[in-house]
Amino acid sequence: MNAENPRNRTSRETRRRLSAPLAASGALAGLLAASIAVNAQQPAEPAPQEPPAAAQPATEAKGAATFARVCSLCHDGARILSTRRSKSQWTEVIEKMMERGAQVSDADFEEVMDYLLRYYGRINVNKAQTDDLAIVVGLSKKDAEAIVQHRQGQGDFPDFDALAKVPGIDVEKLNKGREAITFQ
């Protein structure tokens, strides 16, 4: 009779129990490495600068405080703010945070989204709606409407110089929001 050593059986069972978590850990490490590689290949954008607290109206300061309260519990908020994002990209980021346990009420969501779009937003001027254009670029509603109407009548803007030629807009404000504007 070939009696099996109980020690070998326990060792095999232990290896079998540990192999699944180890394989999962290896897969997660691979995904993390791939994610880092993809992010490293994306073109670097200048990190947006948060306006000094003294320059922020009370609403924006409240948005910054809500962002800090909601979004900085699990990680450094600066990491998230290092890249400008579109409205849909910011929505995706916040929704992922909520899936991971962030407690975000509807009111907090709106405050955080407004704050992120105003100071860390990016917008395609050739696809933007008036309200979004005004928030992200920091334009008056009148200027944003003029841009959208000009685009609808004349076609897409090829570059910033063409955009700055829209009649009647505040080019100084447009220039201040330049880093948030894309054309594709």
N, C-alpha and C. Protein backbone atom coordinates (compact mmCIF):
# COMPACT_ATOMS: atom_id res chain seq x y z
N MET A 1 0.84 -1.17 0.00
CA MET A 1 0.00 0.00 0.00
C MET A 1 0.88 1.22 0.00
N ASN A 2 0.53 2.14 -0.80
CA ASN A 2 1.31 3.34 -0.95
C ASN A 2 0.69 4.44 -0.11
N ALA A 3 1.10 4.54 1.11
CA ALA A 3 0.51 5.52 2.02
C ALA A 3 1.06 6.91 1.69
N GLU A 4 0.18 7.86 1.58
CA GLU A 4 0.60 9.25 1.27
C GLU A 4 0.99 9.95 2.55
N ASN A 5 2.08 10.63 2.48
CA ASN A 5 2.56 11.39 3.64
C ASN A 5 1.59 12.54 3.88
N PRO A 6 1.02 12.65 5.08
CA PRO A 6 0.07 13.73 5.36
C PRO A 6 0.70 15.10 5.18
N ARG A 7 1.97 15.20 5.41
CA ARG A 7 2.66 16.49 5.26
C ARG A 7 2.65 16.93 3.79
N ASN A 8 2.85 16.02 2.85
CA ASN A 8 2.82 16.34 1.41
C ASN A 8 1.42 16.77 0.99
N ARG A 9 0.38 16.07 1.52
CA ARG A 9 -0.99 16.41 1.18
C ARG A 9 -1.31 17.83 1.66
N THR A 10 -0.91 18.17 2.88
CA THR A 10 -1.15 19.51 3.42
C THR A 10 -0.40 20.53 2.58
N SER A 11 0.80 20.20 2.21
CA SER A 11 1.60 21.12 1.40
C SER A 11 0.94 21.37 0.05
N ARG A 12 0.42 20.31 -0.58
CA ARG A 12 -0.27 20.46 -1.87
C ARG A 12 -1.54 21.28 -1.71
N GLU A 13 -2.30 21.04 -0.66
CA GLU A 13 -3.53 21.80 -0.42
C GLU A 13 -3.21 23.27 -0.19
N THR A 14 -2.16 23.52 0.56
CA THR A 14 -1.76 24.91 0.83
C THR A 14 -1.35 25.59 -0.47
N ARG A 15 -0.56 24.89 -1.29
CA ARG A 15 -0.14 25.48 -2.58
C ARG A 15 -1.35 25.76 -3.46
N ARG A 16 -2.32 24.82 -3.47
CA ARG A 16 -3.51 25.01 -4.28
C ARG A 16 -4.32 26.21 -3.78
N ARG A 17 -4.47 26.38 -2.46
CA ARG A 17 -5.20 27.51 -1.90
C ARG A 17 -4.49 28.83 -2.17
N LEU A 18 -3.19 28.82 -2.14
CA LEU A 18 -2.43 30.06 -2.32
C LEU A 18 -2.23 30.42 -3.79
N SER A 19 -2.33 29.46 -4.68
CA SER A 19 -2.04 29.74 -6.09
C SER A 19 -3.04 30.69 -6.72
N ALA A 20 -4.33 30.59 -6.38
CA ALA A 20 -5.33 31.49 -6.96
C ALA A 20 -5.10 32.93 -6.55
N PRO A 21 -4.91 33.23 -5.24
CA PRO A 21 -4.63 34.63 -4.86
C PRO A 21 -3.32 35.13 -5.47
N LEU A 22 -2.32 34.26 -5.54
CA LEU A 22 -1.06 34.69 -6.14
C LEU A 22 -1.23 35.01 -7.62
N ALA A 23 -1.99 34.18 -8.32
CA ALA A 23 -2.24 34.44 -9.73
C ALA A 23 -3.01 35.74 -9.91
N ALA A 24 -3.99 35.97 -9.05
CA ALA A 24 -4.76 37.22 -9.11
C ALA A 24 -3.86 38.42 -8.83
N SER A 25 -2.97 38.28 -7.85
CA SER A 25 -2.04 39.37 -7.54
C SER A 25 -1.15 39.65 -8.74
N GLY A 26 -0.70 38.59 -9.40
CA GLY A 26 0.15 38.77 -10.58
C GLY A 26 -0.61 39.46 -11.70
N ALA A 27 -1.88 39.09 -11.87
CA ALA A 27 -2.69 39.73 -12.91
C ALA A 27 -2.90 41.21 -12.60
N LEU A 28 -3.18 41.52 -11.33
CA LEU A 28 -3.35 42.92 -10.94
C LEU A 28 -2.07 43.71 -11.14
N ALA A 29 -0.95 43.12 -10.82
CA ALA A 29 0.34 43.79 -11.03
C ALA A 29 0.54 44.06 -12.52
N GLY A 30 0.18 43.10 -13.36
CA GLY A 30 0.29 43.29 -14.81
C GLY A 30 -0.60 44.41 -15.30
N LEU A 31 -1.85 44.47 -14.80
CA LEU A 31 -2.77 45.55 -15.18
C LEU A 31 -2.23 46.90 -14.73
N LEU A 32 -1.70 46.96 -13.53
CA LEU A 32 -1.13 48.21 -13.03
C LEU A 32 0.04 48.65 -13.89
N ALA A 33 0.92 47.73 -14.24
CA ALA A 33 2.07 48.06 -15.08
C ALA A 33 1.60 48.54 -16.46
N ALA A 34 0.59 47.89 -17.02
CA ALA A 34 0.08 48.31 -18.32
C ALA A 34 -0.55 49.69 -18.23
N SER A 35 -1.29 49.95 -17.16
CA SER A 35 -1.91 51.26 -16.96
C SER A 35 -0.85 52.35 -16.86
N ILE A 36 0.20 52.08 -16.11
CA ILE A 36 1.28 53.06 -15.97
C ILE A 36 1.94 53.30 -17.31
N ALA A 37 2.16 52.25 -18.09
CA ALA A 37 2.79 52.39 -19.40
C ALA A 37 1.92 53.22 -20.34
N VAL A 38 0.60 52.98 -20.33
CA VAL A 38 -0.31 53.74 -21.19
C VAL A 38 -0.31 55.21 -20.79
N ASN A 39 -0.39 55.48 -19.48
CA ASN A 39 -0.38 56.87 -19.01
C ASN A 39 0.92 57.56 -19.34
N ALA A 40 2.03 56.84 -19.30
CA ALA A 40 3.33 57.44 -19.61
C ALA A 40 3.42 57.79 -21.09
N GLN A 41 2.68 57.08 -21.95
CA GLN A 41 2.74 57.34 -23.38
C GLN A 41 1.84 58.47 -23.81
N GLN A 42 0.90 58.88 -22.97
CA GLN A 42 0.00 59.96 -23.33
C GLN A 42 0.76 61.27 -23.29
N PRO A 43 0.48 62.18 -24.22
CA PRO A 43 1.19 63.44 -24.23
C PRO A 43 0.94 64.22 -22.94
N ALA A 44 2.01 64.77 -22.43
CA ALA A 44 1.90 65.52 -21.18
C ALA A 44 1.21 66.85 -21.43
N GLU A 45 0.33 67.18 -20.55
CA GLU A 45 -0.35 68.47 -20.60
C GLU A 45 0.18 69.30 -19.45
N PRO A 46 0.24 70.59 -19.63
CA PRO A 46 0.68 71.39 -18.49
C PRO A 46 -0.32 71.24 -17.35
N ALA A 47 0.20 71.07 -16.17
CA ALA A 47 -0.68 70.93 -15.01
C ALA A 47 -1.40 72.24 -14.77
N PRO A 48 -2.72 72.20 -14.69
CA PRO A 48 -3.46 73.43 -14.44
C PRO A 48 -3.13 73.96 -13.06
N GLN A 49 -3.15 75.24 -12.94
CA GLN A 49 -2.85 75.89 -11.68
C GLN A 49 -4.15 76.32 -11.01
N GLU A 50 -4.29 75.95 -9.76
CA GLU A 50 -5.46 76.36 -9.01
C GLU A 50 -5.30 77.83 -8.64
N PRO A 51 -6.35 78.62 -8.82
CA PRO A 51 -6.25 80.02 -8.45
C PRO A 51 -6.07 80.16 -6.94
N PRO A 52 -5.37 81.20 -6.51
CA PRO A 52 -5.21 81.40 -5.08
C PRO A 52 -6.56 81.57 -4.40
N ALA A 53 -6.65 81.14 -3.16
CA ALA A 53 -7.93 81.19 -2.43
C ALA A 53 -8.51 82.60 -2.40
N ALA A 54 -7.66 83.61 -2.30
CA ALA A 54 -8.14 84.99 -2.24
C ALA A 54 -8.83 85.40 -3.54
N ALA A 55 -8.45 84.77 -4.66
CA ALA A 55 -9.02 85.13 -5.96
C ALA A 55 -10.33 84.39 -6.23
N GLN A 56 -10.67 83.41 -5.41
CA GLN A 56 -11.86 82.60 -5.64
C GLN A 56 -13.07 83.22 -4.95
N PRO A 57 -14.15 83.37 -5.71
CA PRO A 57 -15.39 83.77 -5.04
C PRO A 57 -15.81 82.67 -4.06
N ALA A 58 -16.72 82.99 -3.16
CA ALA A 58 -17.15 82.05 -2.11
C ALA A 58 -17.64 80.73 -2.68
N THR A 59 -18.34 80.75 -3.81
CA THR A 59 -18.87 79.52 -4.41
C THR A 59 -17.74 78.59 -4.84
N GLU A 60 -16.71 79.16 -5.47
CA GLU A 60 -15.60 78.34 -5.92
C GLU A 60 -14.79 77.83 -4.74
N ALA A 61 -14.63 78.66 -3.71
CA ALA A 61 -13.93 78.21 -2.51
C ALA A 61 -14.68 77.05 -1.87
N LYS A 62 -16.03 77.13 -1.89
CA LYS A 62 -16.84 76.04 -1.37
C LYS A 62 -16.65 74.79 -2.21
N GLY A 63 -16.57 74.95 -3.54
CA GLY A 63 -16.32 73.82 -4.43
C GLY A 63 -14.98 73.17 -4.14
N ALA A 64 -13.96 73.99 -3.88
CA ALA A 64 -12.64 73.46 -3.56
C ALA A 64 -12.68 72.70 -2.23
N ALA A 65 -13.41 73.25 -1.27
CA ALA A 65 -13.52 72.59 0.04
C ALA A 65 -14.28 71.27 -0.09
N THR A 66 -15.34 71.26 -0.90
CA THR A 66 -16.10 70.03 -1.11
C THR A 66 -15.23 68.99 -1.80
N PHE A 67 -14.47 69.42 -2.80
CA PHE A 67 -13.55 68.51 -3.49
C PHE A 67 -12.57 67.90 -2.48
N ALA A 68 -11.97 68.75 -1.65
CA ALA A 68 -11.00 68.27 -0.67
C ALA A 68 -11.64 67.28 0.30
N ARG A 69 -12.85 67.58 0.74
CA ARG A 69 -13.54 66.71 1.69
C ARG A 69 -13.90 65.37 1.07
N VAL A 70 -14.45 65.40 -0.15
CA VAL A 70 -14.96 64.19 -0.78
C VAL A 70 -13.86 63.38 -1.47
N CYS A 71 -12.93 64.07 -2.10
CA CYS A 71 -12.00 63.38 -2.99
C CYS A 71 -10.61 63.14 -2.41
N SER A 72 -10.33 63.63 -1.24
CA SER A 72 -8.98 63.48 -0.71
C SER A 72 -8.89 62.50 0.46
N LEU A 73 -9.96 61.79 0.74
CA LEU A 73 -9.95 60.85 1.86
C LEU A 73 -9.08 59.63 1.57
N CYS A 74 -9.10 59.15 0.34
CA CYS A 74 -8.39 57.92 0.00
C CYS A 74 -7.06 58.16 -0.71
N HIS A 75 -6.86 59.33 -1.23
CA HIS A 75 -5.66 59.60 -2.02
C HIS A 75 -5.37 61.09 -2.05
N ASP A 76 -4.25 61.43 -2.58
CA ASP A 76 -3.85 62.83 -2.71
C ASP A 76 -4.65 63.46 -3.85
N GLY A 77 -5.40 64.51 -3.55
CA GLY A 77 -6.21 65.18 -4.56
C GLY A 77 -5.39 65.76 -5.69
N ALA A 78 -4.15 66.17 -5.41
CA ALA A 78 -3.30 66.78 -6.45
C ALA A 78 -3.04 65.81 -7.59
N ARG A 79 -2.99 64.53 -7.29
CA ARG A 79 -2.74 63.53 -8.33
C ARG A 79 -3.85 63.57 -9.38
N ILE A 80 -5.07 63.71 -8.93
CA ILE A 80 -6.21 63.74 -9.84
C ILE A 80 -6.21 65.02 -10.66
N LEU A 81 -5.76 66.11 -10.06
CA LEU A 81 -5.82 67.42 -10.71
C LEU A 81 -4.65 67.69 -11.64
N SER A 82 -3.77 66.74 -11.82
CA SER A 82 -2.57 66.97 -12.62
C SER A 82 -2.84 67.05 -14.12
N THR A 83 -4.03 66.62 -14.55
CA THR A 83 -4.37 66.62 -15.97
C THR A 83 -5.76 67.22 -16.17
N ARG A 84 -5.90 68.08 -17.15
CA ARG A 84 -7.22 68.61 -17.50
C ARG A 84 -8.04 67.48 -18.12
N ARG A 85 -9.33 67.52 -17.86
CA ARG A 85 -10.23 66.50 -18.41
C ARG A 85 -11.51 67.16 -18.91
N SER A 86 -12.17 66.48 -19.83
CA SER A 86 -13.46 66.94 -20.33
C SER A 86 -14.55 66.61 -19.31
N LYS A 87 -15.73 67.14 -19.54
CA LYS A 87 -16.86 66.90 -18.63
C LYS A 87 -17.14 65.40 -18.51
N SER A 88 -17.15 64.69 -19.62
CA SER A 88 -17.43 63.25 -19.55
C SER A 88 -16.31 62.51 -18.83
N GLN A 89 -15.07 62.94 -18.99
CA GLN A 89 -13.96 62.30 -18.29
C GLN A 89 -14.04 62.55 -16.79
N TRP A 90 -14.38 63.79 -16.38
CA TRP A 90 -14.52 64.07 -14.95
C TRP A 90 -15.69 63.29 -14.36
N THR A 91 -16.78 63.17 -15.11
CA THR A 91 -17.92 62.39 -14.64
C THR A 91 -17.50 60.95 -14.39
N GLU A 92 -16.73 60.40 -15.32
CA GLU A 92 -16.24 59.03 -15.19
C GLU A 92 -15.34 58.87 -13.95
N VAL A 93 -14.47 59.84 -13.71
CA VAL A 93 -13.58 59.80 -12.54
C VAL A 93 -14.41 59.79 -11.25
N ILE A 94 -15.39 60.69 -11.16
CA ILE A 94 -16.20 60.77 -9.95
C ILE A 94 -17.02 59.49 -9.76
N GLU A 95 -17.58 58.97 -10.85
CA GLU A 95 -18.36 57.74 -10.74
C GLU A 95 -17.49 56.57 -10.29
N LYS A 96 -16.25 56.49 -10.77
CA LYS A 96 -15.34 55.43 -10.32
C LYS A 96 -15.03 55.58 -8.84
N MET A 97 -14.85 56.81 -8.40
CA MET A 97 -14.60 57.05 -6.98
C MET A 97 -15.80 56.60 -6.15
N MET A 98 -17.00 56.85 -6.64
CA MET A 98 -18.21 56.43 -5.93
C MET A 98 -18.31 54.91 -5.88
N GLU A 99 -17.94 54.25 -6.98
CA GLU A 99 -17.95 52.78 -7.00
C GLU A 99 -16.98 52.21 -5.97
N ARG A 100 -15.91 52.95 -5.71
CA ARG A 100 -14.89 52.51 -4.75
C ARG A 100 -15.20 52.95 -3.33
N GLY A 101 -16.37 53.55 -3.12
CA GLY A 101 -16.79 53.85 -1.77
C GLY A 101 -16.84 55.32 -1.39
N ALA A 102 -16.50 56.23 -2.28
CA ALA A 102 -16.60 57.65 -1.94
C ALA A 102 -18.06 58.01 -1.73
N GLN A 103 -18.32 58.75 -0.67
CA GLN A 103 -19.68 59.18 -0.35
C GLN A 103 -19.91 60.55 -0.97
N VAL A 104 -20.69 60.58 -2.05
CA VAL A 104 -20.92 61.81 -2.80
C VAL A 104 -22.42 62.01 -2.97
N SER A 105 -22.95 63.03 -2.32
CA SER A 105 -24.37 63.35 -2.49
C SER A 105 -24.55 64.04 -3.84
N ASP A 106 -25.79 64.21 -4.27
CA ASP A 106 -26.05 64.90 -5.52
C ASP A 106 -25.53 66.33 -5.48
N ALA A 107 -25.73 67.00 -4.34
CA ALA A 107 -25.25 68.38 -4.19
C ALA A 107 -23.72 68.43 -4.24
N ASP A 108 -23.05 67.48 -3.57
CA ASP A 108 -21.59 67.42 -3.60
C ASP A 108 -21.10 67.16 -5.02
N PHE A 109 -21.79 66.26 -5.73
CA PHE A 109 -21.41 65.93 -7.10
C PHE A 109 -21.43 67.19 -7.95
N GLU A 110 -22.50 67.96 -7.85
CA GLU A 110 -22.63 69.19 -8.65
C GLU A 110 -21.55 70.20 -8.29
N GLU A 111 -21.29 70.38 -7.00
CA GLU A 111 -20.25 71.33 -6.56
C GLU A 111 -18.87 70.92 -7.05
N VAL A 112 -18.56 69.64 -6.88
CA VAL A 112 -17.25 69.14 -7.29
C VAL A 112 -17.11 69.24 -8.80
N MET A 113 -18.15 68.86 -9.53
CA MET A 113 -18.08 68.92 -11.00
C MET A 113 -17.88 70.35 -11.48
N ASP A 114 -18.61 71.29 -10.92
CA ASP A 114 -18.47 72.69 -11.29
C ASP A 114 -17.03 73.16 -11.03
N TYR A 115 -16.51 72.84 -9.86
CA TYR A 115 -15.14 73.22 -9.49
C TYR A 115 -14.12 72.61 -10.46
N LEU A 116 -14.26 71.32 -10.73
CA LEU A 116 -13.31 70.64 -11.63
C LEU A 116 -13.36 71.23 -13.03
N LEU A 117 -14.56 71.49 -13.54
CA LEU A 117 -14.67 72.04 -14.89
C LEU A 117 -14.12 73.46 -14.97
N ARG A 118 -14.37 74.28 -13.97
CA ARG A 118 -13.88 75.67 -13.98
C ARG A 118 -12.36 75.76 -13.94
N TYR A 119 -11.74 74.92 -13.13
CA TYR A 119 -10.30 75.06 -12.92
C TYR A 119 -9.45 73.96 -13.54
N TYR A 120 -10.07 72.84 -13.87
CA TYR A 120 -9.31 71.70 -14.40
C TYR A 120 -10.01 71.06 -15.60
N GLY A 121 -10.91 71.82 -16.23
CA GLY A 121 -11.67 71.29 -17.36
C GLY A 121 -10.94 71.47 -18.67
N ARG A 122 -11.37 70.71 -19.64
CA ARG A 122 -10.89 70.81 -21.01
C ARG A 122 -12.12 70.67 -21.90
N ILE A 123 -12.14 71.44 -22.98
CA ILE A 123 -13.33 71.43 -23.83
C ILE A 123 -12.96 71.58 -25.29
N ASN A 124 -13.67 70.84 -26.13
CA ASN A 124 -13.51 70.95 -27.57
C ASN A 124 -14.44 72.06 -28.04
N VAL A 125 -13.86 73.17 -28.43
CA VAL A 125 -14.63 74.35 -28.81
C VAL A 125 -15.50 74.09 -30.05
N ASN A 126 -15.15 73.09 -30.83
CA ASN A 126 -15.91 72.77 -32.03
C ASN A 126 -17.10 71.84 -31.77
N LYS A 127 -17.26 71.40 -30.55
CA LYS A 127 -18.38 70.53 -30.19
C LYS A 127 -19.15 71.05 -28.98
N ALA A 128 -18.61 72.03 -28.29
CA ALA A 128 -19.11 72.47 -26.99
C ALA A 128 -20.48 73.14 -27.06
N GLN A 129 -21.24 72.92 -26.00
CA GLN A 129 -22.49 73.65 -25.81
C GLN A 129 -22.16 74.96 -25.10
N THR A 130 -23.05 75.91 -25.22
CA THR A 130 -22.83 77.25 -24.70
C THR A 130 -22.49 77.26 -23.21
N ASP A 131 -23.31 76.62 -22.38
CA ASP A 131 -23.10 76.64 -20.93
C ASP A 131 -21.76 76.03 -20.55
N ASP A 132 -21.41 74.90 -21.16
CA ASP A 132 -20.14 74.24 -20.85
C ASP A 132 -18.96 75.11 -21.27
N LEU A 133 -19.08 75.74 -22.41
CA LEU A 133 -18.01 76.61 -22.91
C LEU A 133 -17.79 77.79 -21.95
N ALA A 134 -18.87 78.36 -21.47
CA ALA A 134 -18.77 79.49 -20.53
C ALA A 134 -18.08 79.05 -19.24
N ILE A 135 -18.45 77.89 -18.70
CA ILE A 135 -17.87 77.43 -17.43
C ILE A 135 -16.39 77.08 -17.59
N VAL A 136 -16.08 76.24 -18.56
CA VAL A 136 -14.71 75.73 -18.69
C VAL A 136 -13.72 76.82 -19.10
N VAL A 137 -14.10 77.66 -20.03
CA VAL A 137 -13.17 78.68 -20.53
C VAL A 137 -13.22 79.96 -19.69
N GLY A 138 -14.30 80.13 -18.93
CA GLY A 138 -14.42 81.32 -18.10
C GLY A 138 -14.96 82.52 -18.86
N LEU A 139 -15.83 82.25 -19.82
CA LEU A 139 -16.41 83.31 -20.64
C LEU A 139 -17.79 83.69 -20.12
N SER A 140 -18.24 84.86 -20.56
CA SER A 140 -19.63 85.22 -20.27
C SER A 140 -20.52 84.35 -21.15
N LYS A 141 -21.76 84.23 -20.76
CA LYS A 141 -22.71 83.45 -21.56
C LYS A 141 -22.85 84.07 -22.96
N LYS A 142 -22.81 85.41 -23.02
CA LYS A 142 -22.92 86.12 -24.29
C LYS A 142 -21.76 85.75 -25.23
N ASP A 143 -20.54 85.72 -24.69
CA ASP A 143 -19.38 85.35 -25.51
C ASP A 143 -19.44 83.89 -25.96
N ALA A 144 -19.86 83.02 -25.05
CA ALA A 144 -19.98 81.60 -25.39
C ALA A 144 -21.03 81.40 -26.49
N GLU A 145 -22.15 82.12 -26.37
CA GLU A 145 -23.19 82.03 -27.41
C GLU A 145 -22.66 82.54 -28.75
N ALA A 146 -21.89 83.62 -28.73
CA ALA A 146 -21.33 84.16 -29.98
C ALA A 146 -20.41 83.14 -30.64
N ILE A 147 -19.62 82.42 -29.84
CA ILE A 147 -18.71 81.41 -30.39
C ILE A 147 -19.50 80.27 -31.01
N VAL A 148 -20.52 79.79 -30.31
CA VAL A 148 -21.33 78.68 -30.83
C VAL A 148 -22.07 79.11 -32.10
N GLN A 149 -22.64 80.30 -32.11
CA GLN A 149 -23.35 80.78 -33.30
C GLN A 149 -22.38 80.94 -34.48
N HIS A 150 -21.21 81.47 -34.22
CA HIS A 150 -20.21 81.63 -35.29
C HIS A 150 -19.80 80.27 -35.85
N ARG A 151 -19.58 79.32 -34.96
CA ARG A 151 -19.20 77.97 -35.38
C ARG A 151 -20.30 77.33 -36.22
N GLN A 152 -21.57 77.53 -35.80
CA GLN A 152 -22.68 76.94 -36.55
C GLN A 152 -22.83 77.58 -37.93
N GLY A 153 -22.52 78.86 -38.04
CA GLY A 153 -22.64 79.55 -39.32
C GLY A 153 -21.44 79.42 -40.22
N GLN A 154 -20.24 79.37 -39.62
CA GLN A 154 -19.01 79.38 -40.41
C GLN A 154 -18.25 78.06 -40.43
N GLY A 155 -18.62 77.15 -39.56
CA GLY A 155 -17.90 75.87 -39.48
C GLY A 155 -16.91 75.85 -38.32
N ASP A 156 -16.25 74.72 -38.17
CA ASP A 156 -15.31 74.52 -37.06
C ASP A 156 -14.15 75.49 -37.10
N PHE A 157 -13.61 75.76 -35.93
CA PHE A 157 -12.43 76.60 -35.78
C PHE A 157 -11.19 75.73 -35.95
N PRO A 158 -10.28 76.11 -36.84
CA PRO A 158 -9.07 75.31 -37.01
C PRO A 158 -8.05 75.52 -35.89
N ASP A 159 -8.05 76.71 -35.29
CA ASP A 159 -7.05 77.01 -34.27
C ASP A 159 -7.49 78.21 -33.41
N PHE A 160 -6.66 78.55 -32.44
CA PHE A 160 -7.00 79.61 -31.51
C PHE A 160 -7.12 80.97 -32.20
N ASP A 161 -6.26 81.24 -33.18
CA ASP A 161 -6.31 82.53 -33.87
C ASP A 161 -7.66 82.73 -34.56
N ALA A 162 -8.19 81.69 -35.17
CA ALA A 162 -9.51 81.78 -35.81
C ALA A 162 -10.60 81.99 -34.76
N LEU A 163 -10.48 81.33 -33.63
CA LEU A 163 -11.45 81.48 -32.54
C LEU A 163 -11.44 82.91 -32.01
N ALA A 164 -10.26 83.47 -31.87
CA ALA A 164 -10.12 84.83 -31.31
C ALA A 164 -10.71 85.90 -32.24
N LYS A 165 -10.99 85.55 -33.48
CA LYS A 165 -11.55 86.51 -34.44
C LYS A 165 -13.08 86.56 -34.43
N VAL A 166 -13.70 85.80 -33.55
CA VAL A 166 -15.16 85.86 -33.45
C VAL A 166 -15.52 87.28 -33.02
N PRO A 167 -16.39 87.94 -33.80
CA PRO A 167 -16.73 89.34 -33.49
C PRO A 167 -17.39 89.50 -32.13
N GLY A 168 -16.94 90.51 -31.39
CA GLY A 168 -17.60 90.91 -30.16
C GLY A 168 -17.24 90.14 -28.91
N ILE A 169 -16.33 89.17 -28.98
CA ILE A 169 -16.01 88.42 -27.76
C ILE A 169 -14.85 89.07 -27.01
N ASP A 170 -14.76 88.77 -25.74
CA ASP A 170 -13.69 89.28 -24.88
C ASP A 170 -12.46 88.39 -25.09
N VAL A 171 -11.56 88.84 -25.95
CA VAL A 171 -10.39 88.05 -26.32
C VAL A 171 -9.45 87.85 -25.12
N GLU A 172 -9.42 88.82 -24.21
CA GLU A 172 -8.57 88.69 -23.02
C GLU A 172 -9.03 87.52 -22.16
N LYS A 173 -10.34 87.40 -21.94
CA LYS A 173 -10.88 86.27 -21.18
C LYS A 173 -10.64 84.96 -21.93
N LEU A 174 -10.83 85.00 -23.24
CA LEU A 174 -10.61 83.82 -24.05
C LEU A 174 -9.16 83.36 -23.91
N ASN A 175 -8.25 84.31 -23.94
CA ASN A 175 -6.83 84.00 -23.82
C ASN A 175 -6.50 83.40 -22.44
N LYS A 176 -7.16 83.88 -21.39
CA LYS A 176 -6.94 83.33 -20.04
C LYS A 176 -7.36 81.87 -19.96
N GLY A 177 -8.37 81.49 -20.71
CA GLY A 177 -8.85 80.11 -20.70
C GLY A 177 -8.28 79.26 -21.81
N ARG A 178 -7.28 79.75 -22.47
CA ARG A 178 -6.72 79.09 -23.66
C ARG A 178 -6.27 77.65 -23.41
N GLU A 179 -5.65 77.39 -22.26
CA GLU A 179 -5.12 76.04 -22.01
C GLU A 179 -6.23 75.01 -21.85
N ALA A 180 -7.47 75.44 -21.66
CA ALA A 180 -8.58 74.51 -21.51
C ALA A 180 -9.24 74.16 -22.85
N ILE A 181 -8.82 74.84 -23.92
CA ILE A 181 -9.48 74.70 -25.21
C ILE A 181 -8.75 73.71 -26.12
N THR A 182 -9.55 72.81 -26.74
CA THR A 182 -9.03 71.95 -27.78
C THR A 182 -9.87 72.17 -29.02
N PHE A 183 -9.37 71.71 -30.15
CA PHE A 183 -10.08 71.92 -31.42
C PHE A 183 -10.47 70.60 -32.08
N GLN A 184 -10.20 69.49 -31.43
CA GLN A 184 -10.56 68.18 -31.99
C GLN A 184 -11.24 67.35 -30.93
